[in-house]
PDB file of N, CA and C in Angstrom:
ATOM      1  N   UNK A   1       3.784  15.654 -57.708  1.00  0.00           N
ATOM      2  CA  UNK A   1       2.816  15.488 -57.431  1.00  0.00           C
ATOM      3  C   UNK A   1       2.875  14.174 -56.414  1.00  0.00           C
ATOM      4  N   UNK A   2       2.006  14.560 -55.200  1.00  0.00           N
ATOM      5  CA  UNK A   2       1.984  13.293 -54.322  1.00  0.00           C
ATOM      6  C   UNK A   2       0.865  11.924 -54.774  1.00  0.00           C
ATOM      7  N   UNK A   3       1.527  10.970 -54.602  1.00  0.00           N
ATOM      8  CA  UNK A   3       0.755   9.813 -55.122  1.00  0.00           C
ATOM      9  C   UNK A   3      -0.583   9.621 -54.080  1.00  0.00           C
ATOM     10  N   UNK A   4      -1.650   9.248 -54.752  1.00  0.00           N
ATOM     11  CA  UNK A   4      -3.054   9.287 -54.133  1.00  0.00           C
ATOM     12  C   UNK A   4      -3.247   7.890 -54.060  1.00  0.00           C
ATOM     13  N   UNK A   5      -4.027   7.751 -52.770  1.00  0.00           N
ATOM     14  CA  UNK A   5      -4.392   6.168 -52.555  1.00  0.00           C
ATOM     15  C   UNK A   5      -5.881   6.315 -52.297  1.00  0.00           C
ATOM     16  N   UNK A   6      -6.520   4.882 -52.760  1.00  0.00           N
ATOM     17  CA  UNK A   6      -8.023   4.712 -52.654  1.00  0.00           C
ATOM     18  C   UNK A   6      -8.284   4.643 -51.052  1.00  0.00           C
ATOM     19  N   UNK A   7      -7.265   4.034 -50.440  1.00  0.00           N
ATOM     20  CA  UNK A   7      -7.661   3.899 -49.041  1.00  0.00           C
ATOM     21  C   UNK A   7      -7.193   4.967 -47.973  1.00  0.00           C
ATOM     22  N   UNK A   8      -7.351   6.138 -48.448  1.00  0.00           N
ATOM     23  CA  UNK A   8      -6.905   7.168 -47.619  1.00  0.00           C
ATOM     24  C   UNK A   8      -7.806   7.386 -46.429  1.00  0.00           C
ATOM     25  N   UNK A   9      -7.207   7.865 -45.506  1.00  0.00           N
ATOM     26  CA  UNK A   9      -8.301   7.852 -44.380  1.00  0.00           C
ATOM     27  C   UNK A   9      -8.806   9.079 -43.926  1.00  0.00           C
ATOM     28  N   UNK A  10      -9.624   9.602 -44.768  1.00  0.00           N
ATOM     29  CA  UNK A  10     -10.460  10.824 -44.666  1.00  0.00           C
ATOM     30  C   UNK A  10     -11.653  10.547 -43.831  1.00  0.00           C
ATOM     31  N   UNK A  11     -11.742  11.731 -42.924  1.00  0.00           N
ATOM     32  CA  UNK A  11     -13.140  11.554 -42.192  1.00  0.00           C
ATOM     33  C   UNK A  11     -14.286  11.517 -42.967  1.00  0.00           C
ATOM     34  N   UNK A  12     -15.122  10.343 -42.550  1.00  0.00           N
ATOM     35  CA  UNK A  12     -16.371   9.894 -43.350  1.00  0.00           C
ATOM     36  C   UNK A  12     -16.212   8.916 -44.431  1.00  0.00           C
ATOM     37  N   UNK A  13     -14.854   8.454 -44.573  1.00  0.00           N
ATOM     38  CA  UNK A  13     -14.530   7.614 -45.520  1.00  0.00           C
ATOM     39  C   UNK A  13     -14.076   6.198 -45.021  1.00  0.00           C
ATOM     40  N   UNK A  14     -13.819   6.088 -43.738  1.00  0.00           N
ATOM     41  CA  UNK A  14     -13.473   4.769 -43.171  1.00  0.00           C
ATOM     42  C   UNK A  14     -14.371   3.963 -43.118  1.00  0.00           C
ATOM     43  N   UNK A  15     -14.032   2.504 -42.953  1.00  0.00           N
ATOM     44  CA  UNK A  15     -14.671   1.504 -42.962  1.00  0.00           C
ATOM     45  C   UNK A  15     -15.294   1.493 -41.341  1.00  0.00           C
ATOM     46  N   UNK A  16     -16.538   1.045 -41.166  1.00  0.00           N
ATOM     47  CA  UNK A  16     -17.012   1.056 -39.813  1.00  0.00           C
ATOM     48  C   UNK A  16     -16.209  -0.060 -39.024  1.00  0.00           C
ATOM     49  N   UNK A  17     -16.023   0.065 -37.946  1.00  0.00           N
ATOM     50  CA  UNK A  17     -15.370  -0.809 -37.159  1.00  0.00           C
ATOM     51  C   UNK A  17     -16.186  -1.787 -36.796  1.00  0.00           C
ATOM     52  N   UNK A  18     -15.637  -3.000 -36.877  1.00  0.00           N
ATOM     53  CA  UNK A  18     -16.403  -4.386 -36.592  1.00  0.00           C
ATOM     54  C   UNK A  18     -16.033  -4.727 -35.108  1.00  0.00           C
ATOM     55  N   UNK A  19     -17.291  -4.859 -34.369  1.00  0.00           N
ATOM     56  CA  UNK A  19     -17.361  -5.052 -32.953  1.00  0.00           C
ATOM     57  C   UNK A  19     -18.003  -6.191 -32.665  1.00  0.00           C
ATOM     58  N   UNK A  20     -17.404  -7.217 -31.812  1.00  0.00           N
ATOM     59  CA  UNK A  20     -18.237  -8.398 -31.641  1.00  0.00           C
ATOM     60  C   UNK A  20     -19.548  -8.066 -30.882  1.00  0.00           C
ATOM     61  N   UNK A  21     -20.588  -9.053 -30.958  1.00  0.00           N
ATOM     62  CA  UNK A  21     -21.922  -8.781 -30.457  1.00  0.00           C
ATOM     63  C   UNK A  21     -21.892  -8.920 -28.918  1.00  0.00           C
ATOM     64  N   UNK A  22     -22.458  -8.233 -28.183  1.00  0.00           N
ATOM     65  CA  UNK A  22     -22.574  -8.183 -26.682  1.00  0.00           C
ATOM     66  C   UNK A  22     -22.992  -9.540 -26.139  1.00  0.00           C
ATOM     67  N   UNK A  23     -22.425  -9.882 -25.028  1.00  0.00           N
ATOM     68  CA  UNK A  23     -22.682 -11.154 -24.471  1.00  0.00           C
ATOM     69  C   UNK A  23     -24.101 -11.155 -23.744  1.00  0.00           C
ATOM     70  N   UNK A  24     -24.658 -12.287 -23.659  1.00  0.00           N
ATOM     71  CA  UNK A  24     -26.079 -12.274 -22.978  1.00  0.00           C
ATOM     72  C   UNK A  24     -25.838 -11.852 -21.585  1.00  0.00           C
ATOM     73  N   UNK A  25     -24.743 -12.281 -20.795  1.00  0.00           N
ATOM     74  CA  UNK A  25     -24.736 -11.925 -19.302  1.00  0.00           C
ATOM     75  C   UNK A  25     -24.329 -10.151 -19.192  1.00  0.00           C
ATOM     76  N   UNK A  26     -24.104  -9.564 -20.159  1.00  0.00           N
ATOM     77  CA  UNK A  26     -24.147  -8.189 -19.992  1.00  0.00           C
ATOM     78  C   UNK A  26     -22.400  -7.682 -20.017  1.00  0.00           C
ATOM     79  N   UNK A  27     -21.650  -8.738 -20.021  1.00  0.00           N
ATOM     80  CA  UNK A  27     -20.048  -8.339 -19.808  1.00  0.00           C
ATOM     81  C   UNK A  27     -19.584  -8.263 -21.222  1.00  0.00           C
ATOM     82  N   UNK A  28     -18.545  -7.578 -21.375  1.00  0.00           N
ATOM     83  CA  UNK A  28     -17.862  -7.023 -22.491  1.00  0.00           C
ATOM     84  C   UNK A  28     -17.001  -8.258 -22.642  1.00  0.00           C
ATOM     85  N   UNK A  29     -16.534  -8.506 -24.043  1.00  0.00           N
ATOM     86  CA  UNK A  29     -15.470  -9.405 -24.300  1.00  0.00           C
ATOM     87  C   UNK A  29     -14.202  -9.107 -23.830  1.00  0.00           C
ATOM     88  N   UNK A  30     -13.539  -9.901 -23.135  1.00  0.00           N
ATOM     89  CA  UNK A  30     -12.222  -9.448 -22.442  1.00  0.00           C
ATOM     90  C   UNK A  30     -12.435  -8.858 -21.321  1.00  0.00           C
ATOM     91  N   UNK A  31     -13.586  -8.643 -20.649  1.00  0.00           N
ATOM     92  CA  UNK A  31     -13.897  -7.753 -19.527  1.00  0.00           C
ATOM     93  C   UNK A  31     -13.983  -9.056 -18.304  1.00  0.00           C
ATOM     94  N   UNK A  32     -14.295  -8.558 -17.015  1.00  0.00           N
ATOM     95  CA  UNK A  32     -14.052  -9.338 -15.871  1.00  0.00           C
ATOM     96  C   UNK A  32     -15.465  -9.937 -15.645  1.00  0.00           C
ATOM     97  N   UNK A  33     -15.637 -11.161 -15.263  1.00  0.00           N
ATOM     98  CA  UNK A  33     -16.750 -11.758 -15.135  1.00  0.00           C
ATOM     99  C   UNK A  33     -17.445 -11.492 -13.693  1.00  0.00           C
ATOM    100  N   UNK A  34     -18.612 -11.943 -13.449  1.00  0.00           N
ATOM    101  CA  UNK A  34     -19.066 -12.000 -12.005  1.00  0.00           C
ATOM    102  C   UNK A  34     -18.440 -12.745 -11.064  1.00  0.00           C
ATOM    103  N   UNK A  35     -18.155 -13.887 -11.483  1.00  0.00           N
ATOM    104  CA  UNK A  35     -17.559 -14.994 -10.798  1.00  0.00           C
ATOM    105  C   UNK A  35     -16.052 -14.370 -10.412  1.00  0.00           C
ATOM    106  N   UNK A  36     -15.333 -13.734 -11.352  1.00  0.00           N
ATOM    107  CA  UNK A  36     -14.070 -13.128 -11.024  1.00  0.00           C
ATOM    108  C   UNK A  36     -14.194 -11.875  -9.923  1.00  0.00           C
ATOM    109  N   UNK A  37     -15.283 -11.171 -10.209  1.00  0.00           N
ATOM    110  CA  UNK A  37     -15.421  -9.987  -9.344  1.00  0.00           C
ATOM    111  C   UNK A  37     -15.679 -10.512  -7.613  1.00  0.00           C
ATOM    112  N   UNK A  38     -16.320 -11.479  -7.722  1.00  0.00           N
ATOM    113  CA  UNK A  38     -16.731 -12.270  -6.398  1.00  0.00           C
ATOM    114  C   UNK A  38     -15.470 -12.747  -5.930  1.00  0.00           C
ATOM    115  N   UNK A  39     -14.569 -13.564  -6.658  1.00  0.00           N
ATOM    116  CA  UNK A  39     -13.532 -13.865  -6.160  1.00  0.00           C
ATOM    117  C   UNK A  39     -12.289 -12.914  -5.617  1.00  0.00           C
ATOM    118  N   UNK A  40     -12.590 -11.802  -6.437  1.00  0.00           N
ATOM    119  CA  UNK A  40     -11.446 -10.705  -6.164  1.00  0.00           C
ATOM    120  C   UNK A  40     -12.040  -9.977  -4.742  1.00  0.00           C
ATOM    121  N   UNK A  41     -13.234  -9.949  -4.599  1.00  0.00           N
ATOM    122  CA  UNK A  41     -13.817  -9.343  -3.243  1.00  0.00           C
ATOM    123  C   UNK A  41     -13.448 -10.116  -2.121  1.00  0.00           C
ATOM    124  N   UNK A  42     -13.534 -11.554  -2.360  1.00  0.00           N
ATOM    125  CA  UNK A  42     -13.224 -12.444  -1.363  1.00  0.00           C
ATOM    126  C   UNK A  42     -11.830 -12.214  -0.805  1.00  0.00           C
ATOM    127  N   UNK A  43     -10.813 -12.261  -1.777  1.00  0.00           N
ATOM    128  CA  UNK A  43      -9.359 -11.984  -1.791  1.00  0.00           C
ATOM    129  C   UNK A  43      -9.163 -10.845  -0.892  1.00  0.00           C
ATOM    130  N   UNK A  44      -9.687  -9.810  -1.394  1.00  0.00           N
ATOM    131  CA  UNK A  44      -9.546  -8.346  -0.587  1.00  0.00           C
ATOM    132  C   UNK A  44      -9.853  -8.411   0.598  1.00  0.00           C
ATOM    133  N   UNK A  45     -11.040  -9.038   0.984  1.00  0.00           N
ATOM    134  CA  UNK A  45     -11.653  -9.172   2.374  1.00  0.00           C
ATOM    135  C   UNK A  45     -10.492  -9.876   3.208  1.00  0.00           C
ATOM    136  N   UNK A  46      -9.993 -10.968   2.653  1.00  0.00           N
ATOM    137  CA  UNK A  46      -9.146 -11.880   3.514  1.00  0.00           C
ATOM    138  C   UNK A  46      -7.781 -11.022   3.747  1.00  0.00           C
ATOM    139  N   UNK A  47      -7.244 -10.396   2.684  1.00  0.00           N
ATOM    140  CA  UNK A  47      -5.949  -9.512   2.933  1.00  0.00           C
ATOM    141  C   UNK A  47      -6.245  -8.428   3.869  1.00  0.00           C
ATOM    142  N   UNK A  48      -7.398  -7.889   3.773  1.00  0.00           N
ATOM    143  CA  UNK A  48      -7.820  -6.607   4.829  1.00  0.00           C
ATOM    144  C   UNK A  48      -7.663  -7.405   6.111  1.00  0.00           C
ATOM    145  N   UNK A  49      -8.206  -8.745   6.262  1.00  0.00           N
ATOM    146  CA  UNK A  49      -8.370  -9.180   7.681  1.00  0.00           C
ATOM    147  C   UNK A  49      -6.875  -9.570   8.176  1.00  0.00           C
ATOM    148  N   UNK A  50      -6.378  -9.868   7.299  1.00  0.00           N
ATOM    149  CA  UNK A  50      -4.711 -10.423   7.510  1.00  0.00           C
ATOM    150  C   UNK A  50      -3.832  -9.112   7.929  1.00  0.00           C
ATOM    151  N   UNK A  51      -4.195  -8.032   7.166  1.00  0.00           N
ATOM    152  CA  UNK A  51      -3.436  -6.658   7.738  1.00  0.00           C
ATOM    153  C   UNK A  51      -4.022  -6.274   8.923  1.00  0.00           C
ATOM    154  N   UNK A  52      -5.525  -6.306   9.244  1.00  0.00           N
ATOM    155  CA  UNK A  52      -5.806  -5.906  10.505  1.00  0.00           C
ATOM    156  C   UNK A  52      -5.486  -6.750  11.661  1.00  0.00           C
ATOM    157  N   UNK A  53      -5.148  -8.026  11.505  1.00  0.00           N
ATOM    158  CA  UNK A  53      -4.615  -8.726  12.560  1.00  0.00           C
ATOM    159  C   UNK A  53      -2.949  -8.525  12.734  1.00  0.00           C
ATOM    160  N   UNK A  54      -2.367  -8.304  11.647  1.00  0.00           N
ATOM    161  CA  UNK A  54      -0.893  -7.663  11.716  1.00  0.00           C
ATOM    162  C   UNK A  54      -0.965  -6.343  12.514  1.00  0.00           C
ATOM    163  N   UNK A  55      -1.610  -5.512  12.459  1.00  0.00           N
ATOM    164  CA  UNK A  55      -1.870  -4.285  12.823  1.00  0.00           C
ATOM    165  C   UNK A  55      -2.122  -4.486  14.352  1.00  0.00           C
ATOM    166  N   UNK A  56      -3.056  -5.189  14.819  1.00  0.00           N
ATOM    167  CA  UNK A  56      -3.437  -5.413  16.222  1.00  0.00           C
ATOM    168  C   UNK A  56      -2.325  -6.205  16.979  1.00  0.00           C
ATOM    169  N   UNK A  57      -1.588  -7.233  16.128  1.00  0.00           N
ATOM    170  CA  UNK A  57      -0.375  -7.781  17.006  1.00  0.00           C
ATOM    171  C   UNK A  57       0.820  -6.732  17.336  1.00  0.00           C
ATOM    172  N   UNK A  58       1.008  -5.853  16.264  1.00  0.00           N
ATOM    173  CA  UNK A  58       1.994  -5.003  16.315  1.00  0.00           C
ATOM    174  C   UNK A  58       1.754  -3.860  17.430  1.00  0.00           C
ATOM    175  N   UNK A  59       0.323  -3.529  17.645  1.00  0.00           N
ATOM    176  CA  UNK A  59       0.046  -2.575  18.593  1.00  0.00           C
ATOM    177  C   UNK A  59       0.299  -3.269  20.048  1.00  0.00           C
ATOM    178  N   UNK A  60      -0.041  -4.435  20.090  1.00  0.00           N
ATOM    179  CA  UNK A  60       0.059  -5.259  21.390  1.00  0.00           C
ATOM    180  C   UNK A  60       1.452  -5.343  21.823  1.00  0.00           C
ATOM    181  N   UNK A  61       2.382  -5.539  20.851  1.00  0.00           N
ATOM    182  CA  UNK A  61       4.026  -5.764  20.823  1.00  0.00           C
ATOM    183  C   UNK A  61       4.368  -4.304  21.472  1.00  0.00           C
ATOM    184  N   UNK A  62       3.794  -3.309  20.724  1.00  0.00           N
ATOM    185  CA  UNK A  62       4.205  -1.895  21.205  1.00  0.00           C
ATOM    186  C   UNK A  62       3.954  -1.737  22.698  1.00  0.00           C
ATOM    187  N   UNK A  63       2.756  -1.965  22.909  1.00  0.00           N
ATOM    188  CA  UNK A  63       2.160  -1.566  24.289  1.00  0.00           C
ATOM    189  C   UNK A  63       2.949  -2.501  25.522  1.00  0.00           C
ATOM    190  N   UNK A  64       3.289  -3.667  24.960  1.00  0.00           N
ATOM    191  CA  UNK A  64       4.069  -4.435  25.797  1.00  0.00           C
ATOM    192  C   UNK A  64       5.500  -3.988  26.093  1.00  0.00           C
ATOM    193  N   UNK A  65       6.086  -3.512  25.116  1.00  0.00           N
ATOM    194  CA  UNK A  65       7.558  -2.953  25.056  1.00  0.00           C
ATOM    195  C   UNK A  65       7.567  -1.501  25.857  1.00  0.00           C
ATOM    196  N   UNK A  66       6.322  -0.940  25.898  1.00  0.00           N
ATOM    197  CA  UNK A  66       6.248   0.385  26.556  1.00  0.00           C
ATOM    198  C   UNK A  66       6.067   0.180  28.006  1.00  0.00           C
ATOM    199  N   UNK A  67       5.386  -0.977  28.313  1.00  0.00           N
ATOM    200  CA  UNK A  67       5.083  -1.196  29.706  1.00  0.00           C
ATOM    201  C   UNK A  67       6.285  -1.657  30.444  1.00  0.00           C
ATOM    202  N   UNK A  68       6.431  -0.688  31.813  1.00  0.00           N
ATOM    203  CA  UNK A  68       7.535  -1.062  32.384  1.00  0.00           C
ATOM    204  C   UNK A  68       7.452  -2.345  32.969  1.00  0.00           C
ATOM    205  N   UNK A  69       8.876  -3.139  33.183  1.00  0.00           N
ATOM    206  CA  UNK A  69       8.941  -4.563  33.659  1.00  0.00           C
ATOM    207  C   UNK A  69       9.480  -4.317  35.123  1.00  0.00           C
ATOM    208  N   UNK A  70       8.809  -5.201  35.993  1.00  0.00           N
ATOM    209  CA  UNK A  70       9.402  -5.117  37.385  1.00  0.00           C
ATOM    210  C   UNK A  70      10.465  -6.342  37.465  1.00  0.00           C
ATOM    211  N   UNK A  71      10.610  -7.197  36.577  1.00  0.00           N
ATOM    212  CA  UNK A  71      11.221  -8.357  36.701  1.00  0.00           C
ATOM    213  C   UNK A  71      12.655  -7.995  36.478  1.00  0.00           C
ATOM    214  N   UNK A  72      13.262  -7.376  35.515  1.00  0.00           N
ATOM    215  CA  UNK A  72      14.479  -6.881  35.043  1.00  0.00           C
ATOM    216  C   UNK A  72      14.760  -5.401  35.009  1.00  0.00           C
ATOM    217  N   UNK A  73      15.930  -5.005  35.555  1.00  0.00           N
ATOM    218  CA  UNK A  73      16.310  -3.713  35.271  1.00  0.00           C
ATOM    219  C   UNK A  73      16.579  -3.078  36.698  1.00  0.00           C
ATOM    220  N   UNK A  74      16.774  -1.785  36.674  1.00  0.00           N
ATOM    221  CA  UNK A  74      17.129  -1.120  37.876  1.00  0.00           C
ATOM    222  C   UNK A  74      15.951  -0.411  38.361  1.00  0.00           C
ATOM    223  N   UNK A  75      15.770   0.009  39.663  1.00  0.00           N
ATOM    224  CA  UNK A  75      14.663   0.685  39.989  1.00  0.00           C
ATOM    225  C   UNK A  75      15.286   2.187  40.051  1.00  0.00           C
ATOM    226  N   UNK A  76      14.651   3.084  39.121  1.00  0.00           N
ATOM    227  CA  UNK A  76      15.191   4.233  39.020  1.00  0.00           C
ATOM    228  C   UNK A  76      14.665   5.183  40.261  1.00  0.00           C
ATOM    229  N   UNK A  77      14.044   4.980  41.072  1.00  0.00           N
ATOM    230  CA  UNK A  77      13.342   5.881  42.064  1.00  0.00           C
ATOM    231  C   UNK A  77      14.296   5.732  43.168  1.00  0.00           C
ATOM    232  N   UNK A  78      15.312   4.816  43.307  1.00  0.00           N
ATOM    233  CA  UNK A  78      16.143   4.535  44.529  1.00  0.00           C
ATOM    234  C   UNK A  78      17.459   4.714  44.153  1.00  0.00           C
ATOM    235  N   UNK A  79      17.896   4.885  42.915  1.00  0.00           N
ATOM    236  CA  UNK A  79      19.269   4.871  42.605  1.00  0.00           C
ATOM    237  C   UNK A  79      19.611   6.240  42.183  1.00  0.00           C
ATOM    238  N   UNK A  80      20.994   6.645  42.583  1.00  0.00           N
ATOM    239  CA  UNK A  80      21.342   7.941  42.233  1.00  0.00           C
ATOM    240  C   UNK A  80      21.609   7.921  40.642  1.00  0.00           C
ATOM    241  N   UNK A  81      21.696   9.198  40.111  1.00  0.00           N
ATOM    242  CA  UNK A  81      21.874   9.461  38.635  1.00  0.00           C
ATOM    243  C   UNK A  81      23.096   8.820  38.250  1.00  0.00           C
ATOM    244  N   UNK A  82      24.351   9.031  38.937  1.00  0.00           N
ATOM    245  CA  UNK A  82      25.547   8.569  38.650  1.00  0.00           C
ATOM    246  C   UNK A  82      25.623   7.074  38.457  1.00  0.00           C
ATOM    247  N   UNK A  83      24.943   6.302  39.199  1.00  0.00           N
ATOM    248  CA  UNK A  83      24.905   4.865  39.063  1.00  0.00           C
ATOM    249  C   UNK A  83      24.062   4.546  38.064  1.00  0.00           C
ATOM    250  N   UNK A  84      23.030   5.004  37.651  1.00  0.00           N
ATOM    251  CA  UNK A  84      22.105   4.854  36.460  1.00  0.00           C
ATOM    252  C   UNK A  84      22.927   5.024  35.107  1.00  0.00           C
ATOM    253  N   UNK A  85      23.544   6.368  35.115  1.00  0.00           N
ATOM    254  CA  UNK A  85      24.341   6.635  33.926  1.00  0.00           C
ATOM    255  C   UNK A  85      25.579   5.719  33.811  1.00  0.00           C
ATOM    256  N   UNK A  86      26.135   5.179  34.967  1.00  0.00           N
ATOM    257  CA  UNK A  86      27.273   4.270  34.697  1.00  0.00           C
ATOM    258  C   UNK A  86      26.527   2.859  34.052  1.00  0.00           C
ATOM    259  N   UNK A  87      25.402   2.400  34.515  1.00  0.00           N
ATOM    260  CA  UNK A  87      24.934   1.168  33.926  1.00  0.00           C
ATOM    261  C   UNK A  87      24.373   1.331  32.455  1.00  0.00           C
ATOM    262  N   UNK A  88      23.641   2.525  32.380  1.00  0.00           N
ATOM    263  CA  UNK A  88      23.160   2.613  30.973  1.00  0.00           C
ATOM    264  C   UNK A  88      24.198   2.814  29.876  1.00  0.00           C
ATOM    265  N   UNK A  89      25.134   3.804  30.188  1.00  0.00           N
ATOM    266  CA  UNK A  89      26.046   4.335  29.260  1.00  0.00           C
ATOM    267  C   UNK A  89      27.511   3.463  29.198  1.00  0.00           C
ATOM    268  N   UNK A  90      27.409   2.221  29.613  1.00  0.00           N
ATOM    269  CA  UNK A  90      28.979   1.315  29.730  1.00  0.00           C
ATOM    270  C   UNK A  90      29.423   1.227  28.409  1.00  0.00           C
ATOM    271  N   UNK A  91      28.581   1.368  27.357  1.00  0.00           N
ATOM    272  CA  UNK A  91      28.925   1.039  26.013  1.00  0.00           C
ATOM    273  C   UNK A  91      30.005   2.323  25.599  1.00  0.00           C
ATOM    274  N   UNK A  92      29.699   3.600  26.108  1.00  0.00           N
ATOM    275  CA  UNK A  92      30.295   4.901  25.746  1.00  0.00           C
ATOM    276  C   UNK A  92      31.616   4.699  26.329  1.00  0.00           C
ATOM    277  N   UNK A  93      31.745   4.254  27.416  1.00  0.00           N
ATOM    278  CA  UNK A  93      32.950   4.164  28.391  1.00  0.00           C
ATOM    279  C   UNK A  93      33.980   3.253  27.433  1.00  0.00           C
ATOM    280  N   UNK A  94      33.290   2.103  27.142  1.00  0.00           N
ATOM    281  CA  UNK A  94      34.035   1.171  26.250  1.00  0.00           C
ATOM    282  C   UNK A  94      34.636   1.656  24.804  1.00  0.00           C
ATOM    283  N   UNK A  95      33.814   2.507  24.294  1.00  0.00           N
ATOM    284  CA  UNK A  95      34.167   2.979  23.036  1.00  0.00           C
ATOM    285  C   UNK A  95      35.190   4.109  23.066  1.00  0.00           C
ATOM    286  N   UNK A  96      35.079   4.962  24.399  1.00  0.00           N
ATOM    287  CA  UNK A  96      36.286   5.961  24.645  1.00  0.00           C
ATOM    288  C   UNK A  96      37.566   5.371  24.761  1.00  0.00           C
ATOM    289  N   UNK A  97      37.406   4.152  25.508  1.00  0.00           N
ATOM    290  CA  UNK A  97      38.716   3.344  25.898  1.00  0.00           C
ATOM    291  C   UNK A  97      39.240   2.912  24.762  1.00  0.00           C
ATOM    292  N   UNK A  98      38.504   2.401  23.622  1.00  0.00           N
ATOM    293  CA  UNK A  98      39.078   1.860  22.525  1.00  0.00           C
ATOM    294  C   UNK A  98      39.574   3.006  21.493  1.00  0.00           C
ATOM    295  N   UNK A  99      39.146   4.169  21.513  1.00  0.00           N
ATOM    296  CA  UNK A  99      39.601   5.363  20.849  1.00  0.00           C
ATOM    297  C   UNK A  99      40.942   5.785  21.484  1.00  0.00           C
ATOM    298  N   UNK A 100      41.048   5.835  22.679  1.00  0.00           N
ATOM    299  CA  UNK A 100      42.151   6.104  23.163  1.00  0.00           C
ATOM    300  C   UNK A 100      43.306   5.218  23.117  1.00  0.00           C
ATOM    301  N   UNK A 101      42.969   3.983  22.985  1.00  0.00           N
ATOM    302  CA  UNK A 101      44.119   3.075  22.772  1.00  0.00           C
ATOM    303  C   UNK A 101      44.599   2.987  21.610  1.00  0.00           C
ATOM    304  N   UNK A 102      43.830   3.153  20.505  1.00  0.00           N
ATOM    305  CA  UNK A 102      43.966   3.155  19.133  1.00  0.00           C
ATOM    306  C   UNK A 102      44.918   4.620  18.735  1.00  0.00           C
ATOM    307  N   UNK A 103      44.405   5.550  19.348  1.00  0.00           N
ATOM    308  CA  UNK A 103      45.022   6.972  19.294  1.00  0.00           C
ATOM    309  C   UNK A 103      46.603   6.837  19.823  1.00  0.00           C
ATOM    310  N   UNK A 104      46.695   6.279  20.886  1.00  0.00           N
ATOM    311  CA  UNK A 104      48.087   6.062  21.498  1.00  0.00           C
ATOM    312  C   UNK A 104      48.923   5.157  20.945  1.00  0.00           C
ATOM    313  N   UNK A 105      48.358   4.146  20.119  1.00  0.00           N
ATOM    314  CA  UNK A 105      49.171   3.285  19.377  1.00  0.00           C
ATOM    315  C   UNK A 105      49.703   4.111  18.140  1.00  0.00           C
ATOM    316  N   UNK A 106      48.904   4.949  17.545  1.00  0.00           N
ATOM    317  CA  UNK A 106      49.097   5.683  16.491  1.00  0.00           C
ATOM    318  C   UNK A 106      50.552   6.737  16.721  1.00  0.00           C
ATOM    319  N   UNK A 107      49.939   7.300  17.870  1.00  0.00           N
ATOM    320  CA  UNK A 107      51.360   8.264  18.429  1.00  0.00           C
ATOM    321  C   UNK A 107      52.479   7.426  18.691  1.00  0.00           C
ATOM    322  N   UNK A 108      52.418   6.323  19.015  1.00  0.00           N
ATOM    323  CA  UNK A 108      53.571   5.607  19.408  1.00  0.00           C
ATOM    324  C   UNK A 108      54.395   5.137  17.972  1.00  0.00           C
ATOM    325  N   UNK A 109      53.631   4.751  16.977  1.00  0.00           N
ATOM    326  CA  UNK A 109      54.225   4.540  15.656  1.00  0.00           C
ATOM    327  C   UNK A 109      54.872   5.720  15.156  1.00  0.00           C
ATOM    328  N   UNK A 110      54.103   6.908  15.208  1.00  0.00           N
ATOM    329  CA  UNK A 110      54.756   8.021  14.812  1.00  0.00           C
ATOM    330  C   UNK A 110      55.913   8.465  15.392  1.00  0.00           C
ATOM    331  N   UNK A 111      55.962   8.108  16.753  1.00  0.00           N
ATOM    332  CA  UNK A 111      57.252   8.545  17.406  1.00  0.00           C
ATOM    333  C   UNK A 111      58.502   7.703  17.020  1.00  0.00           C
ATOM    334  N   UNK A 112      58.149   6.241  16.798  1.00  0.00           N
ATOM    335  CA  UNK A 112      59.244   5.344  16.321  1.00  0.00           C
ATOM    336  C   UNK A 112      59.737   6.050  14.708  1.00  0.00           C
ATOM    337  N   UNK A 113      58.572   6.202  14.213  1.00  0.00           N
ATOM    338  CA  UNK A 113      59.339   6.745  12.893  1.00  0.00           C
ATOM    339  C   UNK A 113      60.068   7.955  12.778  1.00  0.00           C
ATOM    340  N   UNK A 114      59.685   8.979  13.733  1.00  0.00           N
ATOM    341  CA  UNK A 114      60.281  10.151  13.912  1.00  0.00           C
ATOM    342  C   UNK A 114      61.748   9.831  14.369  1.00  0.00           C
ATOM    343  N   UNK A 115      62.024   8.942  15.240  1.00  0.00           N
ATOM    344  CA  UNK A 115      63.132   8.632  15.609  1.00  0.00           C
ATOM    345  C   UNK A 115      64.124   7.958  14.621  1.00  0.00           C
ATOM    346  N   UNK A 116      63.507   7.047  13.720  1.00  0.00           N
ATOM    347  CA  UNK A 116      64.214   6.309  12.896  1.00  0.00           C
ATOM    348  C   UNK A 116      64.503   7.396  11.599  1.00  0.00           C
ATOM    349  N   UNK A 117      63.798   8.223  11.173  1.00  0.00           N
ATOM    350  CA  UNK A 117      63.943   8.956  10.041  1.00  0.00           C
ATOM    351  C   UNK A 117      65.015  10.270  10.386  1.00  0.00           C
ATOM    352  N   UNK A 118      64.441  10.959  11.587  1.00  0.00           N
ATOM    353  CA  UNK A 118      65.213  12.118  11.875  1.00  0.00           C
ATOM    354  C   UNK A 118      66.317  11.999  12.938  1.00  0.00           C
ATOM    355  N   UNK A 119      66.334  11.058  13.589  1.00  0.00           N
ATOM    356  CA  UNK A 119      67.140  10.779  14.841  1.00  0.00           C
ATOM    357  C   UNK A 119      68.374   9.997  14.380  1.00  0.00           C
ATOM    358  N   UNK A 120      68.016   8.854  13.712  1.00  0.00           N
ATOM    359  CA  UNK A 120      69.245   7.895  13.254  1.00  0.00           C
ATOM    360  C   UNK A 120      69.261   8.128  11.760  1.00  0.00           C
ATOM    361  N   UNK A 121      68.609   8.825  10.952  1.00  0.00           N
ATOM    362  CA  UNK A 121      68.831   9.040   9.657  1.00  0.00           C
ATOM    363  C   UNK A 121      69.037   7.832   9.035  1.00  0.00           C
ATOM    364  N   UNK A 122      68.128   6.691   9.343  1.00  0.00           N
ATOM    365  CA  UNK A 122      68.079   5.472   8.780  1.00  0.00           C
ATOM    366  C   UNK A 122      67.556   5.420   7.358  1.00  0.00           C
ATOM    367  N   UNK A 123      66.462   6.142   7.038  1.00  0.00           N
ATOM    368  CA  UNK A 123      65.771   6.520   5.679  1.00  0.00           C
ATOM    369  C   UNK A 123      65.912   7.728   5.430  1.00  0.00           C
ATOM    370  N   UNK A 124      65.939   8.012   4.333  1.00  0.00           N
ATOM    371  CA  UNK A 124      66.195   9.399   3.534  1.00  0.00           C
ATOM    372  C   UNK A 124      64.788   9.730   2.694  1.00  0.00           C
ATOM    373  N   UNK A 125      64.246  10.614   2.879  1.00  0.00           N
ATOM    374  CA  UNK A 125      63.191  10.978   2.124  1.00  0.00           C
ATOM    375  C   UNK A 125      63.411  11.939   1.154  1.00  0.00           C
TER     376      UNK A 125
END
């Protein structure tokens, strides 16, 4: 038979919860006071103002970036397409030249190894 306890938690036989009395200002213990709520509202307003200022400055920068500049650059209306492509895609030409150089160097190494291994029978695999 199971042991019975006098303090069994049966419905209706529990001790009543002991709650602290309510405060005179209407707040609960451990709750937020009116001063803390006011301070939180001030902080939130300041944060929202900073975010709005940041958004405005970002929009201004984007508009300035999108606006065409007459000071620097090429006038696209008067130059042929080949000239514009040569100026805009110079990095592609440099990259293709580097790829061709590295590829040629690797083929030269393979040719030298072919001669050493199969032509002169210097190394045996």
